[in-house]
Amino acid sequence: MTHEPTWKHRAAAALSGTGVHASRPVHANQTAPALVVEAVRRHEGRFSADGAFMVQTGVHTGRSVQDKFVVDEPSVTNEIWWGKVNQSMPVERFNALKGRVQAYLQGQELFIQDLYAGADPAHRVRVRMVTTQAWNALFARNIFIRPKASELKDFEPDYVILHAPLFQTDPAVDGVRSTTTIALSFEQKLLIIAGSEYAGEVKKSIFTVMNWLLPPKGVMPMHCSANIGKDGDVALFFGLSGTGKTTLSSDPERKLIGDDEHGWGDTGTFNVEGGCYAKVINLSREAEPEIWAASHRFGAVLENVIGDDEGNLDLADASLTENTRSCYPVEFIPNVDLSGRGGQPKNVFMLTCDAFGVLPPISRLTPAQAMYHFLSGYTAQVAGTEKGLGAEPKAAFSTCFAHPFLPRPPEVYGRMFADLIARHDATCWLVNTGWSGGQYGVGKRMSIRHTRALLRGALDGSLAQMEFHKEPYFGLSIPAHVPGIPDEVLDPRLAWADKAAYDRMAAQLVERFEANFASFEAGVDDDVKAVAIRKAA
């Protein structure tokens, strides 16, 4: 009587629920050192001088937003926000693609990681990722929450990721747009990521899942970072890539809860992830010491970061992309709350990177203004974060600061935001981390020293005691004087040498806000309509 080899039994257990059957070695839940060894053996990258693992992601150095699909299934079709973000994929097409990807994976050496999304056990999702690259397995292990060894014994996934970065989809066969496809089935609880080595696709695919699962449970999923003060006061930092969420939430005077994705409900806030994914172009050791140190040690994964032959990093080199990244476990940050949980937020900051250079560095918002700016989600997309952007930042509006990751209509998240702000009396602020004294290419990037000082004033309550006045274009309340901050920094018009040029640029941005408001005006209450930014009558 023949017996199956022991490794096949182990492989079958590791691949349970994936539809993949192993024909080659399977590496399940390896530790970071073991994954680095495998990545080196497979020539997937190289070491930096400090021991971080450096990889290049080829043609894809950002997310392929035009290649994302949601399967149109009977149980979800009426609740999906269909459109350019959530493109419809027929069930038959998805099943055929799934079969092709499963067959491909069956012939590969595989790396499996069983992980959690959600620091709150009541809202936790168990994720099983199957990938062909050791470094991508290390990325997943860094970015998500690692279960205890005892929890892995009976681990059964809620969602499965089939990650085939070198498998190219065929538009003629698969009915997709290109050789890259990200497809998500909520009924089958399955994600397919094919044709892209960029690891951000893995991270944001699970965030999309959380944006689907949490609202029916009364929990608001948020594209934000969070930290907590000595007195237990929680602060949230909303913003898209490049606006400063990771940088500003890493504060030596406050403990980091998490740097990018959170949930907020009746029991407080919790981190969705267990790691950080920091943008490191022009990273400064002096201005951002925690992130700098975390990116210069063994276990960190550096995407598209340039180094010399000896691995000495050049963090100013954007020859591959502006979107250079460092991924590391949250415990690499010294001042961190390892529980990943906090109470109800006291302050909510909405970060924008204003390429026009006309918004003030900080403004205090009324509840109606907070709702308006949350639904507007104005920022500047930075080149490299998404495929197809040009060399300069592009002004854009991303509803709820999370447009690409929202499977449900924006008003679902907007209503939850307004309710939570009102119930817990959180103070809301709009913070510009973009340009001052001129538009992009003319003015200068906002001083991080000034931004941190203003944030600390908001957090300790001293800023609220200052005199505020309303600027004329956007109706924003800005502090007139703050010790240590030049008045011309606080009032953006004063920072422009050519005041008429400021007026023209501000008027142009007002027009953009007004045009964008038309896309959601019908779904908001009168108090929000009353504070909407519009051209002067």
Protein backbone atom coordinates (compact mmCIF):
# COMPACT_ATOMS: atom_id res chain seq x y z
CA MET A 1 0.00 0.00 0.00
CA THR A 2 1.41 3.40 -0.98
CA HIS A 3 1.28 6.38 1.27
CA GLU A 4 1.29 10.04 0.34
CA PRO A 5 4.58 11.70 1.32
CA THR A 6 4.38 13.61 4.59
CA TRP A 7 5.19 16.90 2.86
CA LYS A 8 2.09 16.52 0.69
CA HIS A 9 -0.12 16.17 3.76
CA ARG A 10 1.42 19.31 5.23
CA ALA A 11 1.03 21.12 1.92
CA ALA A 12 -2.61 20.10 1.60
CA ALA A 13 -3.34 21.46 5.06
CA ALA A 14 -1.49 24.69 4.33
CA LEU A 15 -3.43 25.15 1.08
CA SER A 16 -6.85 24.29 2.51
CA GLY A 17 -9.54 26.55 1.13
CA THR A 18 -7.43 27.85 -1.74
CA GLY A 19 -8.30 25.34 -4.48
CA VAL A 20 -4.57 24.90 -5.14
CA HIS A 21 -2.89 21.49 -5.00
CA ALA A 22 0.86 21.42 -4.49
CA SER A 23 3.24 19.72 -6.92
CA ARG A 24 6.35 21.54 -5.68
CA PRO A 25 7.63 22.63 -2.25
CA VAL A 26 5.30 24.69 -0.08
CA HIS A 27 6.68 27.03 2.59
CA ALA A 28 3.96 27.76 5.12
CA ASN A 29 4.15 30.49 7.77
CA GLN A 30 7.88 30.87 7.67
CA THR A 31 9.45 33.49 9.91
CA ALA A 32 11.00 36.68 8.57
CA PRO A 33 14.59 35.33 8.66
CA ALA A 34 13.55 32.17 6.83
CA LEU A 35 11.69 34.17 4.17
CA VAL A 36 14.71 36.42 3.67
CA VAL A 37 16.89 33.35 3.19
CA GLU A 38 14.46 32.02 0.57
CA ALA A 39 14.26 35.38 -1.17
CA VAL A 40 18.07 35.52 -1.39
CA ARG A 41 18.23 31.94 -2.65
CA ARG A 42 15.73 32.78 -5.37
CA HIS A 43 17.56 36.01 -6.32
CA GLU A 44 14.46 38.11 -5.65
CA GLY A 45 16.43 41.09 -4.35
CA ARG A 46 19.48 42.10 -2.33
CA PHE A 47 20.46 43.49 1.04
CA SER A 48 20.94 47.12 1.92
CA ALA A 49 24.06 48.00 3.89
CA ASP A 50 21.94 47.83 7.06
CA GLY A 51 20.28 44.49 6.28
CA ALA A 52 16.92 45.56 4.83
CA PHE A 53 15.79 43.58 1.78
CA MET A 54 15.69 45.63 -1.42
CA VAL A 55 13.42 44.64 -4.30
CA GLN A 56 12.32 46.12 -7.59
CA THR A 57 8.75 45.63 -8.78
CA GLY A 58 9.32 45.98 -12.51
CA VAL A 59 6.85 47.88 -14.65
CA HIS A 60 4.37 48.27 -11.80
CA THR A 61 5.58 50.72 -9.15
CA GLY A 62 2.08 51.69 -8.02
CA ARG A 63 -1.45 50.35 -7.97
CA SER A 64 -3.16 49.48 -11.28
CA VAL A 65 -6.47 51.15 -10.50
CA GLN A 66 -7.90 50.53 -13.97
CA ASP A 67 -7.41 46.79 -13.58
CA LYS A 68 -9.49 46.26 -10.45
CA PHE A 69 -12.71 44.23 -10.69
CA VAL A 70 -15.46 43.10 -8.33
CA VAL A 71 -17.41 39.99 -9.20
CA ASP A 72 -21.07 40.72 -9.89
CA GLU A 73 -22.80 38.17 -7.68
CA PRO A 74 -26.51 38.00 -6.71
CA SER A 75 -25.94 38.55 -2.98
CA VAL A 76 -23.92 41.76 -3.42
CA THR A 77 -24.88 43.34 -6.74
CA ASN A 78 -27.36 45.83 -5.25
CA GLU A 79 -24.91 47.04 -2.60
CA ILE A 80 -21.79 47.61 -4.71
CA TRP A 81 -20.80 51.10 -5.82
CA TRP A 82 -20.35 50.11 -9.47
CA GLY A 83 -18.26 52.29 -11.75
CA LYS A 84 -14.65 53.00 -12.65
CA VAL A 85 -13.40 51.91 -9.23
CA ASN A 86 -15.51 48.77 -8.91
CA GLN A 87 -15.68 47.41 -12.42
CA SER A 88 -18.05 44.50 -12.87
CA MET A 89 -16.74 41.03 -13.65
CA PRO A 90 -19.21 38.25 -14.50
CA VAL A 91 -19.09 35.20 -12.24
CA GLU A 92 -18.27 32.95 -15.20
CA ARG A 93 -15.27 35.07 -16.15
CA PHE A 94 -14.00 35.08 -12.58
CA ASN A 95 -14.34 31.33 -12.22
CA ALA A 96 -12.46 30.74 -15.45
CA LEU A 97 -9.67 33.10 -14.37
CA LYS A 98 -9.57 31.48 -10.96
CA GLY A 99 -9.06 28.08 -12.55
CA ARG A 100 -6.22 29.37 -14.71
CA VAL A 101 -4.47 31.01 -11.77
CA GLN A 102 -4.92 27.94 -9.56
CA ALA A 103 -3.43 25.74 -12.26
CA TYR A 104 -0.50 28.13 -12.63
CA LEU A 105 0.15 28.20 -8.87
CA GLN A 106 0.02 24.42 -8.70
CA GLY A 107 3.18 24.27 -10.79
CA GLN A 108 5.13 26.77 -8.67
CA GLU A 109 7.11 26.76 -5.47
CA LEU A 110 4.69 28.44 -3.06
CA PHE A 111 4.89 30.61 0.04
CA ILE A 112 1.88 30.76 2.35
CA GLN A 113 1.15 33.17 5.17
CA ASP A 114 -1.83 32.94 7.53
CA LEU A 115 -2.51 36.37 9.00
CA TYR A 116 -5.11 38.61 10.60
CA ALA A 117 -6.60 41.91 9.51
CA GLY A 118 -8.08 43.76 12.50
CA ALA A 119 -6.56 44.22 15.95
CA ASP A 120 -10.00 43.97 17.58
CA PRO A 121 -10.85 40.22 17.81
CA ALA A 122 -14.55 41.04 17.41
CA HIS A 123 -13.91 42.42 13.93
CA ARG A 124 -10.92 40.34 12.86
CA VAL A 125 -10.62 38.72 9.41
CA ARG A 126 -8.43 35.66 8.90
CA VAL A 127 -6.45 35.90 5.65
CA ARG A 128 -4.54 33.14 3.85
CA MET A 129 -2.13 34.41 1.19
CA VAL A 130 -0.60 32.09 -1.41
CA THR A 131 2.23 33.63 -3.41
CA THR A 132 5.10 32.59 -5.64
CA GLN A 133 7.57 35.10 -4.19
CA ALA A 134 9.24 34.86 -0.80
CA TRP A 135 9.62 38.63 -0.48
CA ASN A 136 5.91 39.19 -1.06
CA ALA A 137 5.22 36.67 1.70
CA LEU A 138 7.56 38.69 3.93
CA PHE A 139 5.71 41.87 2.96
CA ALA A 140 2.39 40.30 3.96
CA ARG A 141 3.89 39.08 7.23
CA ASN A 142 5.16 42.60 7.95
CA ILE A 143 2.00 44.47 7.00
CA PHE A 144 -0.70 42.29 8.56
CA ILE A 145 -1.11 40.95 12.11
CA ARG A 146 0.77 37.74 12.87
CA PRO A 147 -1.20 35.12 14.84
CA LYS A 148 0.34 33.33 17.76
CA ALA A 149 1.72 29.85 17.09
CA SER A 150 -1.18 28.32 18.99
CA GLU A 151 -3.66 30.19 16.78
CA LEU A 152 -2.10 28.79 13.60
CA LYS A 153 -2.84 25.16 14.50
CA ASP A 154 -6.53 25.40 13.62
CA PHE A 155 -6.37 28.41 11.30
CA GLU A 156 -9.12 28.47 8.70
CA PRO A 157 -9.19 31.50 6.39
CA ASP A 158 -12.11 33.86 6.01
CA TYR A 159 -10.55 35.25 2.82
CA VAL A 160 -7.94 33.82 0.47
CA ILE A 161 -5.48 35.76 -1.70
CA LEU A 162 -4.15 33.98 -4.77
CA HIS A 163 -1.10 36.07 -5.54
CA ALA A 164 0.51 35.35 -8.91
CA PRO A 165 2.66 38.41 -9.65
CA LEU A 166 4.36 36.89 -12.71
CA PHE A 167 1.21 35.39 -14.23
CA GLN A 168 -0.10 37.59 -17.02
CA THR A 169 -3.80 37.70 -17.72
CA ASP A 170 -5.00 37.66 -21.32
CA PRO A 171 -7.66 40.21 -22.28
CA ALA A 172 -8.87 38.00 -25.11
CA VAL A 173 -9.27 34.98 -22.83
CA ASP A 174 -10.09 36.56 -19.46
CA GLY A 175 -12.20 39.49 -20.59
CA VAL A 176 -10.02 41.98 -18.72
CA ARG A 177 -8.24 45.18 -19.71
CA SER A 178 -4.58 44.15 -19.64
CA THR A 179 -2.04 41.58 -18.48
CA THR A 180 -2.65 42.75 -14.91
CA THR A 181 -5.84 41.93 -13.01
CA ILE A 182 -7.01 42.41 -9.42
CA ALA A 183 -10.34 40.64 -8.95
CA LEU A 184 -12.39 40.25 -5.76
CA SER A 185 -15.31 37.91 -5.08
CA PHE A 186 -17.23 38.67 -1.90
CA GLU A 187 -19.34 35.52 -2.20
CA GLN A 188 -16.37 33.21 -2.69
CA LYS A 189 -14.25 35.30 -0.30
CA LEU A 190 -11.40 35.16 -2.76
CA LEU A 191 -8.95 37.71 -4.17
CA ILE A 192 -6.88 37.21 -7.31
CA ILE A 193 -3.86 39.44 -7.88
CA ALA A 194 -2.10 38.66 -11.13
CA GLY A 195 0.48 40.42 -13.26
CA SER A 196 1.83 42.92 -10.71
CA GLU A 197 4.71 42.59 -8.25
CA TYR A 198 3.82 45.86 -6.50
CA ALA A 199 3.00 44.78 -2.95
CA GLY A 200 0.58 47.62 -2.32
CA GLU A 201 -2.02 45.64 -4.26
CA VAL A 202 -2.05 43.03 -1.48
CA LYS A 203 -2.43 45.61 1.27
CA LYS A 204 -5.20 47.60 -0.39
CA SER A 205 -7.15 44.54 -1.54
CA ILE A 206 -7.64 43.49 2.08
CA PHE A 207 -8.53 47.08 2.99
CA THR A 208 -11.25 46.89 0.34
CA VAL A 209 -12.52 43.73 2.04
CA MET A 210 -12.63 45.54 5.39
CA ASN A 211 -14.49 48.44 3.77
CA TRP A 212 -17.10 45.88 2.76
CA LEU A 213 -17.35 43.91 6.01
CA LEU A 214 -17.20 46.56 8.74
CA PRO A 215 -20.10 48.99 7.99
CA PRO A 216 -22.88 46.41 8.53
CA LYS A 217 -21.30 45.76 11.96
CA GLY A 218 -21.54 49.43 12.91
CA VAL A 219 -17.81 50.02 12.47
CA MET A 220 -16.43 52.68 10.15
CA PRO A 221 -13.37 51.61 8.14
CA MET A 222 -10.94 54.49 7.72
CA HIS A 223 -7.96 55.29 5.50
CA CYS A 224 -6.11 57.00 8.31
CA SER A 225 -3.29 56.69 10.79
CA ALA A 226 -3.86 56.92 14.53
CA ASN A 227 -1.88 57.62 17.67
CA ILE A 228 -2.61 58.02 21.35
CA GLY A 229 -1.38 60.51 23.97
CA LYS A 230 -0.26 59.94 27.53
CA ASP A 231 -3.77 60.72 28.77
CA GLY A 232 -5.36 58.22 26.39
CA ASP A 233 -6.55 60.80 23.86
CA VAL A 234 -6.69 59.31 20.35
CA ALA A 235 -5.98 61.31 17.19
CA LEU A 236 -6.85 60.26 13.65
CA PHE A 237 -5.01 61.40 10.52
CA PHE A 238 -6.96 60.98 7.27
CA GLY A 239 -5.23 61.40 3.94
CA LEU A 240 -4.16 59.77 0.72
CA SER A 241 -0.65 58.63 -0.15
CA GLY A 242 1.96 61.36 0.18
CA THR A 243 -0.05 63.61 2.51
CA GLY A 244 1.88 62.65 5.64
CA LYS A 245 -0.22 60.08 7.53
CA THR A 246 2.72 57.87 8.38
CA THR A 247 5.10 60.73 9.07
CA LEU A 248 2.80 62.80 11.28
CA SER A 249 1.42 59.89 13.28
CA SER A 250 4.97 58.80 14.20
CA ASP A 251 5.35 61.26 17.05
CA PRO A 252 7.89 60.67 19.84
CA GLU A 253 5.45 62.28 22.30
CA ARG A 254 2.58 59.94 21.42
CA LYS A 255 2.26 56.19 20.90
CA LEU A 256 1.50 54.97 17.40
CA ILE A 257 -1.61 52.79 17.04
CA GLY A 258 -1.20 52.31 13.31
CA ASP A 259 -0.10 54.20 10.23
CA ASP A 260 -2.73 53.70 7.53
CA GLU A 261 -5.96 51.73 8.11
CA HIS A 262 -8.30 51.64 11.11
CA GLY A 263 -11.79 50.89 12.29
CA TRP A 264 -13.91 53.15 14.52
CA GLY A 265 -16.96 51.96 16.41
CA ASP A 266 -18.68 51.99 19.78
CA THR A 267 -15.68 50.42 21.54
CA GLY A 268 -13.17 52.89 20.07
CA THR A 269 -10.55 52.58 17.37
CA PHE A 270 -8.41 49.67 16.22
CA ASN A 271 -5.65 49.11 13.69
CA VAL A 272 -6.51 46.95 10.69
CA GLU A 273 -2.85 46.09 10.16
CA GLY A 274 0.23 45.05 12.09
CA GLY A 275 2.82 46.94 10.09
CA CYS A 276 3.68 50.14 8.27
CA TYR A 277 4.10 50.94 4.58
CA ALA A 278 5.94 54.24 4.54
CA LYS A 279 6.76 56.33 1.53
CA VAL A 280 10.50 57.02 1.77
CA ILE A 281 11.38 59.30 -1.12
CA ASN A 282 13.58 62.04 0.39
CA LEU A 283 13.20 60.48 3.83
CA SER A 284 15.15 62.48 6.38
CA ARG A 285 16.85 60.99 9.41
CA GLU A 286 16.50 64.31 11.23
CA ALA A 287 12.81 64.97 10.42
CA GLU A 288 11.56 61.36 10.53
CA PRO A 289 13.96 59.41 12.77
CA GLU A 290 11.58 56.55 13.63
CA ILE A 291 10.74 55.72 10.02
CA TRP A 292 14.35 56.19 8.97
CA ALA A 293 15.59 53.75 11.62
CA ALA A 294 12.87 51.18 10.83
CA SER A 295 13.86 51.26 7.16
CA HIS A 296 17.54 50.63 7.92
CA ARG A 297 17.35 47.27 9.63
CA PHE A 298 16.96 43.57 8.91
CA GLY A 299 13.36 42.52 8.27
CA ALA A 300 12.26 45.67 6.47
CA VAL A 301 11.32 45.39 2.79
CA LEU A 302 12.35 48.27 0.55
CA GLU A 303 10.46 48.60 -2.73
CA ASN A 304 12.18 50.37 -5.63
CA VAL A 305 14.66 52.14 -3.36
CA ILE A 306 18.01 52.80 -5.01
CA GLY A 307 21.32 51.83 -3.43
CA ASP A 308 24.94 51.60 -4.54
CA ASP A 309 26.87 48.35 -5.01
CA GLU A 310 27.40 48.08 -1.26
CA GLY A 311 23.75 48.70 -0.46
CA ASN A 312 24.09 52.26 0.80
CA LEU A 313 20.69 53.82 0.16
CA ASP A 314 20.02 56.95 -1.85
CA LEU A 315 16.59 57.94 -0.60
CA ALA A 316 16.50 60.98 -2.89
CA ASP A 317 16.80 58.83 -6.03
CA ALA A 318 13.45 58.63 -7.83
CA SER A 319 14.81 57.06 -11.01
CA LEU A 320 12.49 54.04 -10.64
CA THR A 321 9.56 55.89 -9.08
CA GLU A 322 8.59 58.66 -6.66
CA ASN A 323 6.62 55.96 -4.86
CA THR A 324 9.55 54.31 -3.09
CA ARG A 325 8.35 52.33 -0.09
CA SER A 326 9.48 50.72 3.14
CA CYS A 327 7.42 48.00 4.80
CA TYR A 328 8.18 46.93 8.35
CA PRO A 329 6.33 45.52 11.38
CA VAL A 330 4.80 48.13 13.66
CA GLU A 331 7.09 47.04 16.50
CA PHE A 332 10.02 48.51 14.55
CA ILE A 333 8.66 51.88 15.71
CA PRO A 334 9.91 52.37 19.30
CA ASN A 335 6.95 54.36 20.59
CA VAL A 336 4.04 52.12 19.66
CA ASP A 337 0.95 50.69 21.33
CA LEU A 338 1.28 47.02 20.44
CA SER A 339 -2.37 46.33 21.25
CA GLY A 340 -3.30 48.26 18.10
CA ARG A 341 -6.32 49.67 19.92
CA GLY A 342 -7.43 52.95 21.45
CA GLY A 343 -10.50 54.77 22.76
CA GLN A 344 -12.73 57.33 21.08
CA PRO A 345 -10.88 59.97 19.02
CA LYS A 346 -10.61 63.48 20.47
CA ASN A 347 -9.07 65.09 17.36
CA VAL A 348 -9.53 64.25 13.69
CA PHE A 349 -7.06 65.68 11.17
CA MET A 350 -7.78 65.64 7.43
CA LEU A 351 -4.50 65.92 5.56
CA THR A 352 -4.26 67.39 2.09
CA CYS A 353 -1.24 67.96 -0.10
CA ASP A 354 -2.35 71.13 -1.88
CA ALA A 355 -0.43 71.48 -5.15
CA PHE A 356 -2.01 74.90 -5.74
CA GLY A 357 -0.37 76.30 -2.60
CA VAL A 358 -3.46 78.22 -1.50
CA LEU A 359 -4.82 76.32 1.49
CA PRO A 360 -3.65 77.26 4.99
CA PRO A 361 -1.43 74.88 6.99
CA ILE A 362 -4.20 74.28 9.53
CA SER A 363 -7.89 75.20 9.81
CA ARG A 364 -10.49 74.37 12.43
CA LEU A 365 -13.63 72.84 10.92
CA THR A 366 -17.23 72.93 12.04
CA PRO A 367 -19.04 69.55 12.01
CA ALA A 368 -20.70 70.49 8.69
CA GLN A 369 -17.36 71.51 7.20
CA ALA A 370 -15.81 68.29 8.45
CA MET A 371 -18.46 66.28 6.62
CA TYR A 372 -17.95 68.38 3.48
CA HIS A 373 -14.17 67.93 3.43
CA PHE A 374 -14.45 64.24 4.31
CA LEU A 375 -16.68 63.66 1.30
CA SER A 376 -14.51 65.93 -0.87
CA GLY A 377 -11.20 64.29 0.02
CA TYR A 378 -9.10 66.90 -1.77
CA THR A 379 -5.38 66.27 -2.19
CA ALA A 380 -2.71 66.02 -4.87
CA GLN A 381 -1.90 62.59 -6.21
CA VAL A 382 1.86 62.21 -6.23
CA ALA A 383 3.55 60.71 -9.28
CA GLY A 384 4.15 56.98 -8.90
CA THR A 385 1.41 56.20 -6.36
CA GLU A 386 -0.85 55.15 -9.19
CA LYS A 387 0.19 54.00 -12.63
CA GLY A 388 -0.28 56.60 -15.35
CA LEU A 389 0.31 59.80 -13.37
CA GLY A 390 2.72 62.36 -14.77
CA ALA A 391 5.85 63.81 -13.23
CA GLU A 392 3.97 66.53 -11.31
CA PRO A 393 1.31 66.18 -8.61
CA LYS A 394 -2.24 66.25 -9.87
CA ALA A 395 -5.03 67.90 -7.94
CA ALA A 396 -7.70 65.32 -7.24
CA PHE A 397 -10.74 64.55 -5.09
CA SER A 398 -11.03 61.16 -3.43
CA THR A 399 -14.26 60.81 -1.48
CA CYS A 400 -13.76 59.74 2.14
CA PHE A 401 -10.02 59.92 1.43
CA ALA A 402 -10.43 56.34 0.20
CA HIS A 403 -12.23 56.44 -3.15
CA PRO A 404 -10.24 53.57 -4.77
CA PHE A 405 -11.00 51.22 -1.86
CA LEU A 406 -14.74 51.76 -1.32
CA PRO A 407 -16.94 48.87 -2.47
CA ARG A 408 -20.06 50.57 -1.06
CA PRO A 409 -21.49 53.99 -2.05
CA PRO A 410 -19.70 56.93 -0.35
CA GLU A 411 -22.81 58.05 1.54
CA VAL A 412 -22.61 54.84 3.60
CA TYR A 413 -19.26 55.92 5.02
CA GLY A 414 -20.22 59.60 5.15
CA ARG A 415 -23.23 58.94 7.37
CA MET A 416 -21.13 56.83 9.72
CA PHE A 417 -18.47 59.56 9.92
CA ALA A 418 -21.00 62.29 10.74
CA ASP A 419 -22.65 60.13 13.39
CA LEU A 420 -19.38 59.21 15.09
CA ILE A 421 -18.11 62.81 15.11
CA ALA A 422 -21.36 64.01 16.67
CA ARG A 423 -21.66 61.24 19.25
CA HIS A 424 -18.08 61.53 20.49
CA ASP A 425 -17.64 65.31 20.09
CA ALA A 426 -14.39 65.07 18.16
CA THR A 427 -12.70 68.28 16.98
CA CYS A 428 -11.89 68.28 13.26
CA TRP A 429 -9.03 70.05 11.50
CA LEU A 430 -7.95 70.48 7.87
CA VAL A 431 -4.15 70.35 7.50
CA ASN A 432 -2.24 71.27 4.34
CA THR A 433 1.11 69.48 4.05
CA GLY A 434 1.56 70.66 0.45
CA TRP A 435 2.95 73.94 -0.88
CA SER A 436 3.22 77.46 0.49
CA GLY A 437 4.20 80.73 -1.19
CA GLY A 438 3.26 79.50 -4.64
CA GLN A 439 1.96 76.52 -6.54
CA TYR A 440 4.00 73.35 -7.12
CA GLY A 441 7.21 74.28 -8.92
CA VAL A 442 7.12 77.85 -7.59
CA GLY A 443 6.50 77.72 -3.85
CA LYS A 444 8.07 75.49 -1.22
CA ARG A 445 6.78 72.37 0.50
CA MET A 446 5.29 73.13 3.89
CA SER A 447 7.84 72.87 6.69
CA ILE A 448 7.34 69.64 8.62
CA ARG A 449 8.60 71.49 11.71
CA HIS A 450 5.78 74.00 11.39
CA THR A 451 3.22 71.27 10.71
CA ARG A 452 4.27 69.29 13.77
CA ALA A 453 4.14 72.40 15.96
CA LEU A 454 0.61 73.22 14.80
CA LEU A 455 -0.52 69.63 15.34
CA ARG A 456 0.87 69.61 18.86
CA GLY A 457 -1.02 72.82 19.58
CA ALA A 458 -4.23 71.21 18.34
CA LEU A 459 -3.58 68.07 20.36
CA ASP A 460 -2.79 69.79 23.66
CA GLY A 461 -5.68 72.24 23.29
CA SER A 462 -3.57 75.41 23.15
CA LEU A 463 -4.32 76.11 19.48
CA ALA A 464 -8.05 76.19 20.14
CA GLN A 465 -7.47 79.05 22.57
CA MET A 466 -5.89 81.24 19.89
CA GLU A 467 -7.73 83.95 17.97
CA PHE A 468 -9.19 82.62 14.69
CA HIS A 469 -10.41 84.48 11.64
CA LYS A 470 -12.14 83.34 8.46
CA GLU A 471 -10.30 83.50 5.14
CA PRO A 472 -12.44 84.61 2.17
CA TYR A 473 -12.14 81.88 -0.46
CA PHE A 474 -12.81 78.61 1.36
CA GLY A 475 -14.59 79.81 4.51
CA LEU A 476 -11.90 78.25 6.70
CA SER A 477 -11.17 79.39 10.25
CA ILE A 478 -7.43 79.90 10.62
CA PRO A 479 -5.38 81.04 13.63
CA ALA A 480 -4.23 84.65 13.38
CA HIS A 481 -1.07 84.21 15.46
CA VAL A 482 0.72 81.16 16.87
CA PRO A 483 3.96 81.52 18.85
CA GLY A 484 6.91 80.28 16.81
CA ILE A 485 5.01 80.22 13.50
CA PRO A 486 5.36 83.17 11.08
CA ASP A 487 2.05 84.88 10.32
CA GLU A 488 2.69 84.49 6.58
CA VAL A 489 2.78 80.73 7.06
CA LEU A 490 -0.58 80.71 8.82
CA ASP A 491 -2.26 82.89 6.17
CA PRO A 492 -1.30 81.49 2.74
CA ARG A 493 -2.05 84.70 0.86
CA LEU A 494 0.60 86.52 2.88
CA ALA A 495 3.19 83.94 1.79
CA TRP A 496 2.73 84.75 -1.90
CA ALA A 497 4.86 87.58 -3.26
CA ASP A 498 2.27 88.15 -6.00
CA LYS A 499 -1.05 88.54 -4.20
CA ALA A 500 -3.01 88.79 -7.45
CA ALA A 501 -1.53 85.46 -8.52
CA TYR A 502 -2.70 83.95 -5.24
CA ASP A 503 -6.21 85.27 -5.84
CA ARG A 504 -6.32 83.73 -9.31
CA MET A 505 -5.03 80.38 -8.09
CA ALA A 506 -7.43 80.30 -5.12
CA ALA A 507 -10.34 81.08 -7.45
CA GLN A 508 -9.31 78.18 -9.70
CA LEU A 509 -9.29 75.76 -6.78
CA VAL A 510 -12.68 77.06 -5.62
CA GLU A 511 -14.05 76.18 -9.06
CA ARG A 512 -12.68 72.65 -8.72
CA PHE A 513 -14.27 72.22 -5.31
CA GLU A 514 -17.57 73.50 -6.65
CA ALA A 515 -17.51 71.14 -9.63
CA ASN A 516 -16.66 68.19 -7.40
CA PHE A 517 -19.44 69.02 -4.93
CA ALA A 518 -21.99 68.48 -7.68
CA SER A 519 -21.09 64.78 -7.60
CA PHE A 520 -22.37 64.32 -4.04
CA GLU A 521 -24.54 67.39 -3.32
CA ALA A 522 -27.80 65.46 -3.68
CA GLY A 523 -26.86 63.11 -0.85
CA VAL A 524 -25.99 65.63 1.88
CA ASP A 525 -28.06 67.65 4.35
CA ASP A 526 -28.70 71.38 4.17
CA ASP A 527 -26.05 72.21 6.78
CA VAL A 528 -23.37 70.68 4.55
CA LYS A 529 -24.73 72.44 1.47
CA ALA A 530 -24.54 75.72 3.38
CA VAL A 531 -20.76 75.40 3.94
CA ALA A 532 -19.89 74.05 0.48
CA ILE A 533 -17.09 75.96 -1.23
CA ARG A 534 -18.52 78.00 -4.12
CA LYS A 535 -17.57 80.95 -6.30
CA ALA A 536 -18.57 84.31 -4.88
CA ALA A 537 -21.96 85.45 -6.11
